[in-house]
C-alpha cells in the first residue's frame, strides 16, 4: 500500500526541474544505437585507412611514426583551378586515384581511335 501512495504522489506532484532534467536525458536504447553506429562507422573508416596504406603507392618507411610535434603537412592544391576537387589535393591518394581514372579514360579513347582508324 505504501508503494501505491508514493506512485500516486509522483504522478500528481512532479518537480519541474526533475521533469526538465529527465526530458534531456538519453535513454539506454539511444546510447546503444549511437554506440552501434559509432562502431560501424569506425570499422568502415579503419578499412579505408587499411586499403589506402596497403595499396600500390605505399610510401617508403610508412611504418615509422612522425616524431615531430607538428607534422609538416599542409594540404594545398597543385593547380588553383583544381582546388576543391579530388585532383586538387597535391600528394594525396585521392589525387592519384583521380588522375589514374582520367588517364585510363584517355587511354581507352586512344585505343578506340586506333581501332577505328587503324
C-alpha atoms as a PDB file:
ATOM      1  CA  UNK A   1       0.000   0.000   0.000  1.00  0.00           C
ATOM      2  CA  UNK A   2       2.902   2.332   0.777  1.00  0.00           C
ATOM      3  CA  UNK A   3       4.270   1.938  -2.782  1.00  0.00           C
ATOM      4  CA  UNK A   4       0.911   2.886  -4.280  1.00  0.00           C
ATOM      5  CA  UNK A   5       0.861   6.114  -2.248  1.00  0.00           C
ATOM      6  CA  UNK A   6       4.354   7.064  -3.419  1.00  0.00           C
ATOM      7  CA  UNK A   7       3.458   6.285  -7.041  1.00  0.00           C
ATOM      8  CA  UNK A   8       0.304   8.377  -6.894  1.00  0.00           C
ATOM      9  CA  UNK A   9       2.184  11.280  -5.285  1.00  0.00           C
ATOM     10  CA  UNK A  10       4.811  11.071  -8.069  1.00  0.00           C
ATOM     11  CA  UNK A  11       2.123  11.213 -10.752  1.00  0.00           C
ATOM     12  CA  UNK A  12       0.221  14.136  -9.255  1.00  0.00           C
ATOM     13  CA  UNK A  13       3.096  16.231  -7.900  1.00  0.00           C
ATOM     14  CA  UNK A  14       6.070  16.487 -10.225  1.00  0.00           C
ATOM     15  CA  UNK A  15       9.082  18.665  -9.750  1.00  0.00           C
ATOM     16  CA  UNK A  16       9.568  20.854 -12.867  1.00  0.00           C
ATOM     17  CA  UNK A  17      13.359  20.744 -12.517  1.00  0.00           C
ATOM     18  CA  UNK A  18      13.362  16.940 -12.341  1.00  0.00           C
ATOM     19  CA  UNK A  19      10.999  16.795 -15.316  1.00  0.00           C
ATOM     20  CA  UNK A  20      13.283  19.124 -17.286  1.00  0.00           C
ATOM     21  CA  UNK A  21      16.357  17.031 -16.432  1.00  0.00           C
ATOM     22  CA  UNK A  22      14.586  13.779 -17.363  1.00  0.00           C
ATOM     23  CA  UNK A  23      13.423  15.259 -20.678  1.00  0.00           C
ATOM     24  CA  UNK A  24      17.042  15.952 -21.647  1.00  0.00           C
ATOM     25  CA  UNK A  25      18.403  12.557 -20.620  1.00  0.00           C
ATOM     26  CA  UNK A  26      19.081   9.975 -23.301  1.00  0.00           C
ATOM     27  CA  UNK A  27      17.680   6.507 -22.894  1.00  0.00           C
ATOM     28  CA  UNK A  28      19.644   3.289 -22.765  1.00  0.00           C
ATOM     29  CA  UNK A  29      18.400   2.395 -26.264  1.00  0.00           C
ATOM     30  CA  UNK A  30      19.602   5.756 -27.621  1.00  0.00           C
ATOM     31  CA  UNK A  31      23.071   5.154 -26.171  1.00  0.00           C
ATOM     32  CA  UNK A  32      23.208   1.621 -27.562  1.00  0.00           C
ATOM     33  CA  UNK A  33      22.077   2.780 -31.028  1.00  0.00           C
ATOM     34  CA  UNK A  34      24.671   5.556 -31.012  1.00  0.00           C
ATOM     35  CA  UNK A  35      27.372   3.091 -29.955  1.00  0.00           C
ATOM     36  CA  UNK A  36      26.470   0.643 -32.734  1.00  0.00           C
ATOM     37  CA  UNK A  37      26.545   3.485 -35.273  1.00  0.00           C
ATOM     38  CA  UNK A  38      29.927   4.689 -33.995  1.00  0.00           C
ATOM     39  CA  UNK A  39      31.439   1.194 -34.095  1.00  0.00           C
ATOM     40  CA  UNK A  40      30.228   0.562 -37.634  1.00  0.00           C
ATOM     41  CA  UNK A  41      31.460   3.975 -38.806  1.00  0.00           C
ATOM     42  CA  UNK A  42      34.888   3.410 -37.247  1.00  0.00           C
ATOM     43  CA  UNK A  43      35.182  -0.048 -38.799  1.00  0.00           C
ATOM     44  CA  UNK A  44      34.463   1.421 -42.241  1.00  0.00           C
ATOM     45  CA  UNK A  45      36.982   4.214 -41.678  1.00  0.00           C
ATOM     46  CA  UNK A  46      39.669   1.812 -40.449  1.00  0.00           C
ATOM     47  CA  UNK A  47      39.160  -0.388 -43.508  1.00  0.00           C
ATOM     48  CA  UNK A  48      39.508   2.678 -45.741  1.00  0.00           C
ATOM     49  CA  UNK A  49      42.759   3.540 -43.984  1.00  0.00           C
ATOM     50  CA  UNK A  50      43.978  -0.049 -44.349  1.00  0.00           C
ATOM     51  CA  UNK A  51      43.119  -0.037 -48.065  1.00  0.00           C
ATOM     52  CA  UNK A  52      44.932   3.255 -48.573  1.00  0.00           C
ATOM     53  CA  UNK A  53      48.063   2.158 -46.701  1.00  0.00           C
ATOM     54  CA  UNK A  54      48.370  -1.210 -48.425  1.00  0.00           C
ATOM     55  CA  UNK A  55      47.841  -0.004 -51.955  1.00  0.00           C
ATOM     56  CA  UNK A  56      50.440   0.074 -54.702  1.00  0.00           C
ATOM     57  CA  UNK A  57      51.524   3.600 -53.751  1.00  0.00           C
ATOM     58  CA  UNK A  58      52.738   2.868 -50.254  1.00  0.00           C
ATOM     59  CA  UNK A  59      55.478   5.395 -49.480  1.00  0.00           C
ATOM     60  CA  UNK A  60      58.871   4.366 -48.178  1.00  0.00           C
ATOM     61  CA  UNK A  61      59.083   3.954 -44.376  1.00  0.00           C
ATOM     62  CA  UNK A  62      55.328   4.368 -43.948  1.00  0.00           C
ATOM     63  CA  UNK A  63      55.532   2.227 -40.807  1.00  0.00           C
ATOM     64  CA  UNK A  64      57.631   4.812 -38.989  1.00  0.00           C
ATOM     65  CA  UNK A  65      55.717   7.297 -36.899  1.00  0.00           C
ATOM     66  CA  UNK A  66      56.127  11.046 -37.109  1.00  0.00           C
ATOM     67  CA  UNK A  67      58.331  12.216 -34.241  1.00  0.00           C
ATOM     68  CA  UNK A  68      57.792  15.952 -34.660  1.00  0.00           C
ATOM     69  CA  UNK A  69      55.213  17.681 -32.515  1.00  0.00           C
ATOM     70  CA  UNK A  70      53.689  19.318 -35.587  1.00  0.00           C
ATOM     71  CA  UNK A  71      53.677  17.297 -38.740  1.00  0.00           C
ATOM     72  CA  UNK A  72      54.877  19.203 -41.795  1.00  0.00           C
ATOM     73  CA  UNK A  73      51.804  18.572 -43.919  1.00  0.00           C
ATOM     74  CA  UNK A  74      49.852  21.418 -45.409  1.00  0.00           C
ATOM     75  CA  UNK A  75      47.255  20.252 -47.904  1.00  0.00           C
ATOM     76  CA  UNK A  76      47.366  22.537 -50.894  1.00  0.00           C
ATOM     77  CA  UNK A  77      46.189  22.496 -54.465  1.00  0.00           C
ATOM     78  CA  UNK A  78      48.837  21.847 -57.094  1.00  0.00           C
ATOM     79  CA  UNK A  79      46.882  23.965 -59.592  1.00  0.00           C
ATOM     80  CA  UNK A  80      44.454  26.613 -58.399  1.00  0.00           C
ATOM     81  CA  UNK A  81      41.798  25.607 -60.937  1.00  0.00           C
ATOM     82  CA  UNK A  82      41.701  22.136 -59.335  1.00  0.00           C
ATOM     83  CA  UNK A  83      41.239  23.449 -55.772  1.00  0.00           C
ATOM     84  CA  UNK A  84      38.312  21.762 -54.082  1.00  0.00           C
ATOM     85  CA  UNK A  85      38.325  18.763 -56.407  1.00  0.00           C
ATOM     86  CA  UNK A  86      39.892  15.353 -55.852  1.00  0.00           C
ATOM     87  CA  UNK A  87      42.794  16.226 -58.151  1.00  0.00           C
ATOM     88  CA  UNK A  88      43.449  19.384 -56.179  1.00  0.00           C
ATOM     89  CA  UNK A  89      44.840  17.649 -53.088  1.00  0.00           C
ATOM     90  CA  UNK A  90      48.506  17.565 -54.004  1.00  0.00           C
ATOM     91  CA  UNK A  91      50.262  14.401 -52.885  1.00  0.00           C
ATOM     92  CA  UNK A  92      47.161  12.561 -51.663  1.00  0.00           C
ATOM     93  CA  UNK A  93      45.897   9.105 -52.513  1.00  0.00           C
ATOM     94  CA  UNK A  94      42.636  10.637 -53.738  1.00  0.00           C
ATOM     95  CA  UNK A  95      44.517  12.757 -56.265  1.00  0.00           C
ATOM     96  CA  UNK A  96      46.438   9.722 -57.530  1.00  0.00           C
ATOM     97  CA  UNK A  97      43.176   7.782 -57.976  1.00  0.00           C
ATOM     98  CA  UNK A  98      41.548  10.691 -59.791  1.00  0.00           C
ATOM     99  CA  UNK A  99      44.498  11.139 -62.144  1.00  0.00           C
ATOM    100  CA  UNK A 100      44.676   7.400 -62.791  1.00  0.00           C
ATOM    101  CA  UNK A 101      40.994   7.193 -63.686  1.00  0.00           C
ATOM    102  CA  UNK A 102      41.366  10.146 -66.078  1.00  0.00           C
ATOM    103  CA  UNK A 103      44.469   8.569 -67.638  1.00  0.00           C
ATOM    104  CA  UNK A 104      42.583   5.286 -68.071  1.00  0.00           C
ATOM    105  CA  UNK A 105      39.727   7.098 -69.839  1.00  0.00           C
ATOM    106  CA  UNK A 106      42.178   8.865 -72.145  1.00  0.00           C
ATOM    107  CA  UNK A 107      43.974   5.575 -72.856  1.00  0.00           C
ATOM    108  CA  UNK A 108      40.662   3.944 -73.789  1.00  0.00           C
ATOM    109  CA  UNK A 109      39.845   6.849 -76.120  1.00  0.00           C
ATOM    110  CA  UNK A 110      43.220   6.495 -77.845  1.00  0.00           C
ATOM    111  CA  UNK A 111      42.829   2.715 -78.197  1.00  0.00           C
ATOM    112  CA  UNK A 112      39.302   3.155 -79.610  1.00  0.00           C
ATOM    113  CA  UNK A 113      40.607   5.746 -82.083  1.00  0.00           C
ATOM    114  CA  UNK A 114      43.427   3.396 -83.180  1.00  0.00           C
ATOM    115  CA  UNK A 115      40.973   0.509 -83.586  1.00  0.00           C
ATOM    116  CA  UNK A 116      38.648   2.617 -85.757  1.00  0.00           C
ATOM    117  CA  UNK A 117      41.235   4.414 -87.884  1.00  0.00           C
ATOM    118  CA  UNK A 118      43.985   1.834 -87.925  1.00  0.00           C
END
